[in-house]
Amino acid sequence: MENLDPDRQKSGKYLPDRQKAQNYLKYSGMAFQLGAVILCGTLIGKYIDQQLEADKPYFTLLLALLGVVVGLYSVLKDFIRPGKSN
């Protein structure tokens, strides 16, 4: 399966098994990274709200949203320049 037409390899329709595994690991790693950033922001915000004895969880909300923005930036940066990490 390694001797495929170069045009088909570039289109992504017929990738060798090794390339499929690398893509799977890359994109699943991105998902875990996004989740970890959001979770860290939420936990830090919750800790700050507890320390300040806030009535409403403003820091939890703020840092969770910041985690979403930072995580999406990181993931989208890898999508825009996918060849950079190889």
Foldseek 3Di string as FASTA:
>chain_A
DVPDDPVCCVVVPDHPPVVVVVVVVVVVVLVVQLVVLLVVLQVVLVVVCVVVVDPDSPSNVVSNVVSNVVSVVVVVVCVVPVVVVD
